[in-house]
Amino acid sequence: MNRRLLSPLLFAVCLTLGATAVRGQEADVSPTPTPIPTPAPTPAVEAEPAPPPVAPGQPAAPPAVQTAPLSGATPPVAPAPPATPAPARPVATPTPAPPARIVEPGVLAILQAPSDNPFGIAAQVPASLPPKLSFVDATVNAAEYVSVRVDATGKPIGFRLERDPIPSLSGEVQRSLARWTFEPARGASGPVETWASLRLDLTVEIDAPRSVQNSIVLVTPSTAIPRPFPWPADDVWLESRKGGASLEGTVPLESVDTPPMPKKTPWNVNSYKGPFSAKFWVRVKSNGVLEKAIPLEASDPVLVGYLRRAMSSWAFRPAQANGAPIDSWNELSLSGQVAYSVDLKQIASLRKSLAGS
């Protein structure tokens, strides 16, 4: 009986003594971690010693600070940690950027025209014409472009001289056109009213001008630069016409199936005799030869080519500077009486509107 009671009592005493010993050991343990000494750097690279084991209950020591190696030593390269793939994200539709706005005003370059004429020169002796100007009879070809309004019966009821090489005869040309008759233009529904486009091929016989008066003036740095005579080549002029216009309720020429065709074409424009005038800028070489002739004015454009050929045979006296002949630009004016006869050789009906272009 006593032995049975003693055993549990002894077991309880042992548990009490063991708990007291454990609490004593925990009170003696310092909470401050023990620092790990860092080895002094040496020229040779050595592997770091493994850290000492940490006693149970002690926190882990901080990692040692890596110092820079001495010059000449190659620092070890730590392997890169394996890349962790980023989680897939939904692809967003890009939003277009708004249009940029110009917040500053544009800069406009303002150029100033030269005060002096670049073609002008200073010469003590200007160029001069020969004592007698030579002209000859000649035959030239010219084209007159006209627009004729033709009604659905084929009657011409309107005229426009679109490009007239002989304005001195424009009245006679219109009187002749008024007597013409046409086959009317036709569309899907039958005859229609439209503007016909015609090219009249002319042959002009020019008699040598008479009583010609002339003047030639040196172009100096103070001479104003004039505008050239607006008379381009026929193909250049025709290409510049827009076409396709519908005027005054008519059908555009490009829209009809067949254009108006002339039937009867009496021509009363036979001859002209009267005054003429023309003005050119001419470049005279130091040897007296005419190098260039730029038309500035002409009473009849048909005379431009004729007068250019005539001037190319003239022997000019060149301008002089410091006693030596020089090249020079000059303004040449001509006027007098001229006569020419005109013959209508051919009529071409065009498929491009000239009226209203």
Protein backbone atom coordinates (compact mmCIF):
# COMPACT_ATOMS: atom_id res chain seq x y z
CA MET A 1 0.00 0.00 0.00
CA ASN A 2 2.76 2.47 0.92
CA ARG A 3 4.83 1.41 -2.09
CA ARG A 4 1.94 2.21 -4.45
CA LEU A 5 1.55 5.74 -3.10
CA LEU A 6 5.30 6.46 -3.19
CA SER A 7 5.75 5.87 -6.95
CA PRO A 8 3.37 8.56 -8.11
CA LEU A 9 4.84 10.97 -5.62
CA LEU A 10 8.36 10.41 -6.90
CA PHE A 11 7.23 10.92 -10.52
CA ALA A 12 5.68 14.29 -9.67
CA VAL A 13 8.84 15.45 -7.88
CA CYS A 14 10.97 14.52 -10.93
CA LEU A 15 8.75 16.52 -13.27
CA THR A 16 8.96 19.57 -11.00
CA LEU A 17 12.77 19.41 -10.83
CA GLY A 18 13.07 19.03 -14.63
CA ALA A 19 10.91 22.06 -15.35
CA THR A 20 12.92 24.17 -12.90
CA ALA A 21 16.20 23.18 -14.63
CA VAL A 22 14.88 24.07 -18.09
CA ARG A 23 13.72 27.53 -16.90
CA GLY A 24 17.17 28.14 -15.46
CA GLN A 25 18.89 27.28 -18.73
CA GLU A 26 16.57 29.60 -20.70
CA ALA A 27 17.34 32.48 -18.33
CA ASP A 28 21.09 32.07 -18.88
CA VAL A 29 20.88 32.24 -22.74
CA SER A 30 21.76 35.77 -24.09
CA PRO A 31 19.36 37.14 -26.76
CA THR A 32 22.24 39.01 -28.56
CA PRO A 33 23.59 37.09 -31.60
CA THR A 34 27.27 36.29 -31.64
CA PRO A 35 28.97 38.20 -34.56
CA ILE A 36 30.96 36.22 -37.09
CA PRO A 37 34.37 37.72 -37.76
CA THR A 38 35.05 38.68 -41.41
CA PRO A 39 38.37 37.38 -42.71
CA ALA A 40 40.86 40.00 -43.98
CA PRO A 41 41.06 40.27 -47.80
CA THR A 42 43.98 38.53 -49.43
CA PRO A 43 45.31 38.79 -52.99
CA ALA A 44 44.25 35.28 -53.75
CA VAL A 45 40.59 34.55 -53.95
CA GLU A 46 39.60 31.91 -51.46
CA ALA A 47 36.32 30.27 -50.93
CA GLU A 48 34.35 31.64 -48.02
CA PRO A 49 34.36 29.41 -44.95
CA ALA A 50 31.10 27.85 -44.14
CA PRO A 51 29.30 29.66 -41.32
CA PRO A 52 29.42 27.92 -37.93
CA PRO A 53 26.35 26.07 -36.92
CA VAL A 54 23.83 28.09 -35.01
CA ALA A 55 22.98 26.90 -31.53
CA PRO A 56 19.39 25.91 -30.97
CA GLY A 57 17.29 28.89 -30.04
CA GLN A 58 19.76 31.43 -31.57
CA PRO A 59 18.80 33.60 -34.64
CA ALA A 60 20.77 33.16 -37.84
CA ALA A 61 23.79 35.45 -38.28
CA PRO A 62 23.57 38.19 -40.99
CA PRO A 63 25.39 37.45 -44.24
CA ALA A 64 28.92 38.78 -44.53
CA VAL A 65 29.41 41.95 -46.62
CA GLN A 66 31.24 41.20 -49.88
CA THR A 67 34.24 43.48 -50.33
CA ALA A 68 35.78 44.54 -53.65
CA PRO A 69 38.76 42.40 -54.67
CA LEU A 70 42.24 43.83 -55.05
CA SER A 71 43.37 45.10 -58.44
CA GLY A 72 44.31 42.23 -60.71
CA ALA A 73 42.00 39.79 -58.95
CA THR A 74 38.99 38.48 -60.81
CA PRO A 75 35.87 38.58 -58.70
CA PRO A 76 33.76 35.47 -58.73
CA VAL A 77 30.62 35.75 -60.77
CA ALA A 78 27.58 34.62 -58.92
CA PRO A 79 25.23 32.50 -61.01
CA ALA A 80 22.09 34.34 -62.05
CA PRO A 81 18.98 33.09 -60.32
CA PRO A 82 16.66 31.18 -62.56
CA ALA A 83 14.10 33.44 -64.18
CA THR A 84 10.63 32.95 -62.93
CA PRO A 85 8.20 33.16 -65.84
CA ALA A 86 5.72 35.97 -65.38
CA PRO A 87 2.11 34.95 -65.34
CA ALA A 88 0.38 35.37 -68.66
CA ARG A 89 -1.64 38.54 -68.92
CA PRO A 90 -4.41 39.32 -71.35
CA VAL A 91 -3.21 41.36 -74.33
CA ALA A 92 -4.89 44.74 -74.34
CA THR A 93 -5.85 46.35 -77.65
CA PRO A 94 -3.63 49.42 -78.15
CA THR A 95 -5.51 52.70 -78.15
CA PRO A 96 -4.51 54.99 -81.05
CA ALA A 97 -2.74 58.10 -79.89
CA PRO A 98 -4.65 61.35 -80.44
CA PRO A 99 -3.43 63.47 -83.35
CA ALA A 100 -0.68 65.87 -82.43
CA ARG A 101 -1.52 69.54 -82.35
CA ILE A 102 0.76 72.29 -83.52
CA VAL A 103 0.81 74.73 -80.65
CA GLU A 104 3.42 77.06 -82.11
CA PRO A 105 2.71 79.16 -85.20
CA GLY A 106 4.56 78.17 -88.36
CA VAL A 107 7.57 80.16 -89.40
CA LEU A 108 7.25 81.75 -92.84
CA ALA A 109 10.50 82.57 -94.57
CA ILE A 110 10.25 86.02 -96.10
CA LEU A 111 12.59 86.46 -99.02
CA GLN A 112 13.38 89.79 -100.54
CA ALA A 113 13.70 90.15 -104.27
CA PRO A 114 17.02 91.50 -105.44
CA SER A 115 17.02 95.25 -105.90
CA ASP A 116 19.16 95.00 -109.03
CA ASN A 117 18.18 93.32 -112.26
CA PRO A 118 20.46 90.24 -112.58
CA PHE A 119 20.34 90.57 -116.39
CA GLY A 120 21.47 94.16 -116.40
CA ILE A 121 25.00 95.41 -116.93
CA ALA A 122 26.80 98.72 -116.89
CA ALA A 123 28.22 99.51 -120.33
CA GLN A 124 29.75 102.71 -121.66
CA VAL A 125 28.52 101.93 -125.21
CA PRO A 126 25.15 100.15 -125.65
CA ALA A 127 24.39 97.64 -128.35
CA SER A 128 22.87 98.93 -131.58
CA LEU A 129 20.93 97.61 -134.59
CA PRO A 130 22.32 97.46 -138.11
CA PRO A 131 21.63 100.53 -140.28
CA LYS A 132 19.06 98.63 -142.35
CA LEU A 133 16.83 95.84 -141.07
CA SER A 134 16.24 93.06 -143.56
CA PHE A 135 12.85 91.31 -143.87
CA VAL A 136 11.69 88.74 -146.38
CA ASP A 137 8.37 87.22 -147.43
CA ALA A 138 7.60 84.01 -145.59
CA THR A 139 4.89 81.40 -145.09
CA VAL A 140 4.08 80.15 -141.60
CA ASN A 141 1.58 77.67 -140.23
CA ALA A 142 -0.73 78.55 -137.36
CA ALA A 143 -3.62 76.93 -135.51
CA GLU A 144 -6.71 78.71 -134.30
CA TYR A 145 -8.81 77.06 -131.55
CA VAL A 146 -12.49 78.01 -131.33
CA SER A 147 -15.56 76.88 -129.41
CA VAL A 148 -18.92 76.89 -131.22
CA ARG A 149 -22.22 76.37 -129.44
CA VAL A 150 -24.30 74.11 -131.68
CA ASP A 151 -27.96 73.48 -130.90
CA ALA A 152 -29.86 70.23 -131.46
CA THR A 153 -30.68 71.27 -135.05
CA GLY A 154 -27.03 71.89 -135.98
CA LYS A 155 -27.23 75.68 -135.94
CA PRO A 156 -24.29 77.62 -134.43
CA ILE A 157 -25.65 80.03 -131.82
CA GLY A 158 -22.45 81.12 -130.03
CA PHE A 159 -18.72 81.49 -130.62
CA ARG A 160 -15.59 81.81 -128.54
CA LEU A 161 -12.10 82.35 -129.92
CA GLU A 162 -10.11 80.34 -127.37
CA ARG A 163 -6.65 80.81 -128.92
CA ASP A 164 -6.33 83.35 -131.72
CA PRO A 165 -2.96 83.74 -133.48
CA ILE A 166 -4.26 86.70 -135.54
CA PRO A 167 -6.39 89.00 -133.35
CA SER A 168 -6.29 91.57 -136.15
CA LEU A 169 -8.70 89.27 -138.05
CA SER A 170 -10.91 88.12 -135.16
CA GLY A 171 -13.95 89.96 -136.52
CA GLU A 172 -13.69 88.23 -139.89
CA VAL A 173 -13.26 84.83 -138.21
CA GLN A 174 -16.46 85.21 -136.17
CA ARG A 175 -18.44 86.35 -139.24
CA SER A 176 -17.28 83.27 -141.10
CA LEU A 177 -18.18 80.91 -138.24
CA ALA A 178 -21.69 82.37 -138.08
CA ARG A 179 -22.32 81.08 -141.60
CA TRP A 180 -21.22 77.51 -140.87
CA THR A 181 -23.64 74.61 -140.48
CA PHE A 182 -23.09 71.44 -138.44
CA GLU A 183 -24.31 67.95 -137.91
CA PRO A 184 -25.53 68.17 -134.30
CA ALA A 185 -24.01 66.17 -131.49
CA ARG A 186 -25.84 62.98 -130.57
CA GLY A 187 -26.34 61.28 -127.26
CA ALA A 188 -28.29 58.23 -126.14
CA SER A 189 -31.61 60.07 -126.59
CA GLY A 190 -30.80 61.70 -129.94
CA PRO A 191 -29.47 65.15 -130.96
CA VAL A 192 -28.27 67.35 -128.09
CA GLU A 193 -26.96 70.87 -127.69
CA THR A 194 -23.28 71.21 -126.84
CA TRP A 195 -20.15 73.28 -127.39
CA ALA A 196 -18.02 72.01 -130.26
CA SER A 197 -14.21 72.30 -130.01
CA LEU A 198 -12.50 72.99 -133.31
CA ARG A 199 -8.90 73.44 -134.42
CA LEU A 200 -8.53 75.46 -137.60
CA ASP A 201 -5.23 74.80 -139.34
CA LEU A 202 -4.18 77.97 -141.15
CA THR A 203 -1.47 78.85 -143.62
CA VAL A 204 -0.37 82.47 -143.36
CA GLU A 205 1.68 84.19 -146.07
CA ILE A 206 3.44 87.21 -144.51
CA ASP A 207 4.74 89.95 -146.73
CA ALA A 208 7.93 91.74 -145.64
CA PRO A 209 6.98 94.53 -143.20
CA ARG A 210 7.40 98.10 -144.38
CA SER A 211 8.09 101.44 -142.73
CA VAL A 212 9.55 99.64 -139.72
CA GLN A 213 10.55 101.79 -136.79
CA ASN A 214 12.85 100.35 -134.15
CA SER A 215 14.59 101.10 -130.90
CA ILE A 216 17.00 99.15 -128.73
CA VAL A 217 17.69 100.00 -125.08
CA LEU A 218 20.33 98.45 -122.86
CA VAL A 219 19.02 96.49 -119.87
CA THR A 220 20.73 97.92 -116.78
CA PRO A 221 20.67 96.77 -113.15
CA SER A 222 17.87 99.26 -112.46
CA THR A 223 15.62 98.02 -115.32
CA ALA A 224 12.42 96.35 -114.11
CA ILE A 225 11.95 92.72 -115.18
CA PRO A 226 8.84 92.47 -117.42
CA ARG A 227 6.49 89.50 -117.81
CA PRO A 228 7.06 87.35 -120.92
CA PHE A 229 4.39 87.20 -123.60
CA PRO A 230 1.91 84.44 -122.61
CA TRP A 231 1.98 82.33 -125.76
CA PRO A 232 3.12 78.74 -125.09
CA ALA A 233 3.31 76.02 -127.72
CA ASP A 234 -0.01 74.63 -128.99
CA ASP A 235 0.37 71.23 -127.30
CA VAL A 236 1.31 72.84 -123.98
CA TRP A 237 -1.68 75.17 -124.14
CA LEU A 238 -4.08 72.36 -125.09
CA GLU A 239 -2.85 70.20 -122.22
CA SER A 240 -3.60 73.01 -119.78
CA ARG A 241 -7.29 73.05 -120.66
CA LYS A 242 -9.39 71.26 -118.04
CA GLY A 243 -12.40 70.25 -120.14
CA GLY A 244 -15.52 68.46 -118.96
CA ALA A 245 -17.46 71.66 -118.18
CA SER A 246 -21.18 72.01 -118.79
CA LEU A 247 -22.11 75.58 -119.72
CA GLU A 248 -25.53 77.20 -119.84
CA GLY A 249 -27.51 74.00 -119.82
CA THR A 250 -25.58 72.28 -122.60
CA VAL A 251 -24.30 68.71 -122.51
CA PRO A 252 -20.53 68.38 -121.96
CA LEU A 253 -18.72 67.45 -125.14
CA GLU A 254 -17.07 64.47 -123.41
CA SER A 255 -20.52 63.00 -122.63
CA VAL A 256 -21.94 62.85 -126.18
CA ASP A 257 -21.68 59.82 -128.43
CA THR A 258 -20.68 61.82 -131.52
CA PRO A 259 -19.46 65.46 -131.51
CA PRO A 260 -20.82 68.18 -133.79
CA MET A 261 -19.27 67.97 -137.26
CA PRO A 262 -18.96 70.95 -139.63
CA LYS A 263 -20.90 70.54 -142.90
CA LYS A 264 -20.61 73.87 -144.69
CA THR A 265 -17.62 76.05 -143.82
CA PRO A 266 -17.42 79.25 -145.88
CA TRP A 267 -14.20 81.15 -145.10
CA ASN A 268 -13.98 84.89 -145.71
CA VAL A 269 -10.78 85.54 -143.73
CA ASN A 270 -8.54 86.15 -146.70
CA SER A 271 -6.05 88.89 -145.91
CA TYR A 272 -4.92 91.59 -143.54
CA LYS A 273 -3.01 94.81 -144.14
CA GLY A 274 -2.34 97.20 -141.34
CA PRO A 275 -0.09 98.18 -138.43
CA PHE A 276 1.80 95.81 -136.23
CA SER A 277 3.96 96.12 -133.11
CA ALA A 278 6.20 93.80 -131.14
CA LYS A 279 8.67 93.97 -128.27
CA PHE A 280 11.45 91.54 -127.30
CA TRP A 281 14.23 91.14 -124.83
CA VAL A 282 17.27 90.12 -126.90
CA ARG A 283 20.68 88.90 -125.81
CA VAL A 284 23.43 90.12 -128.11
CA LYS A 285 26.77 88.33 -127.89
CA SER A 286 30.09 90.15 -127.88
CA ASN A 287 30.54 89.15 -131.55
CA GLY A 288 27.26 90.87 -132.54
CA VAL A 289 25.24 87.67 -133.01
CA LEU A 290 21.71 87.42 -131.57
CA GLU A 291 21.71 84.56 -129.05
CA LYS A 292 18.19 84.75 -127.51
CA ALA A 293 14.94 86.61 -128.17
CA ILE A 294 12.17 86.56 -125.54
CA PRO A 295 8.84 88.03 -126.71
CA LEU A 296 7.19 90.55 -124.39
CA GLU A 297 4.44 91.93 -126.64
CA ALA A 298 2.99 91.19 -130.07
CA SER A 299 -0.05 92.59 -131.84
CA ASP A 300 -0.46 89.26 -133.64
CA PRO A 301 1.20 86.17 -132.10
CA VAL A 302 1.70 84.75 -135.60
CA LEU A 303 4.45 87.37 -136.04
CA VAL A 304 6.58 86.13 -133.11
CA GLY A 305 8.20 83.26 -134.99
CA TYR A 306 8.54 85.30 -138.15
CA LEU A 307 10.33 88.19 -136.41
CA ARG A 308 12.64 85.82 -134.50
CA ARG A 309 13.86 84.33 -137.76
CA ALA A 310 14.34 87.78 -139.27
CA MET A 311 16.37 89.04 -136.26
CA SER A 312 18.66 85.99 -136.32
CA SER A 313 20.12 87.26 -139.63
CA TRP A 314 20.89 90.77 -138.35
CA ALA A 315 24.42 91.86 -137.49
CA PHE A 316 24.24 93.82 -134.24
CA ARG A 317 26.95 96.07 -132.90
CA PRO A 318 27.71 94.70 -129.43
CA ALA A 319 27.80 96.72 -126.25
CA GLN A 320 31.20 97.80 -124.89
CA ALA A 321 32.64 98.15 -121.41
CA ASN A 322 36.14 99.51 -120.78
CA GLY A 323 36.74 99.55 -124.53
CA ALA A 324 35.97 95.84 -125.06
CA PRO A 325 32.83 94.22 -126.57
CA ILE A 326 30.65 92.36 -124.06
CA ASP A 327 27.46 90.31 -123.99
CA SER A 328 24.34 92.29 -123.12
CA TRP A 329 20.58 92.06 -122.72
CA ASN A 330 18.56 94.70 -124.56
CA GLU A 331 14.91 95.66 -125.05
CA LEU A 332 14.05 95.76 -128.76
CA SER A 333 10.86 97.42 -130.02
CA LEU A 334 9.55 97.13 -133.59
CA SER A 335 6.52 98.68 -135.28
CA GLY A 336 5.35 99.34 -138.83
CA GLN A 337 3.01 98.06 -141.53
CA VAL A 338 2.48 94.41 -142.42
CA ALA A 339 0.28 92.44 -144.81
CA TYR A 340 -0.56 88.75 -144.92
CA SER A 341 -3.11 86.44 -146.49
CA VAL A 342 -4.74 83.56 -144.63
CA ASP A 343 -5.88 80.22 -146.00
CA LEU A 344 -7.93 77.61 -144.10
CA LYS A 345 -6.36 74.24 -144.84
CA GLN A 346 -8.08 71.82 -142.47
CA ILE A 347 -10.70 71.62 -139.69
CA ALA A 348 -10.32 69.17 -136.80
CA SER A 349 -13.13 68.39 -134.36
CA LEU A 350 -11.73 67.72 -130.89
CA ARG A 351 -13.27 65.54 -128.16
CA LYS A 352 -12.11 67.83 -125.35
CA SER A 353 -14.14 70.79 -124.16
CA LEU A 354 -12.39 74.14 -124.55
CA ALA A 355 -15.27 76.41 -123.52
CA GLY A 356 -15.23 77.18 -119.82
CA SER A 357 -11.81 75.63 -119.22
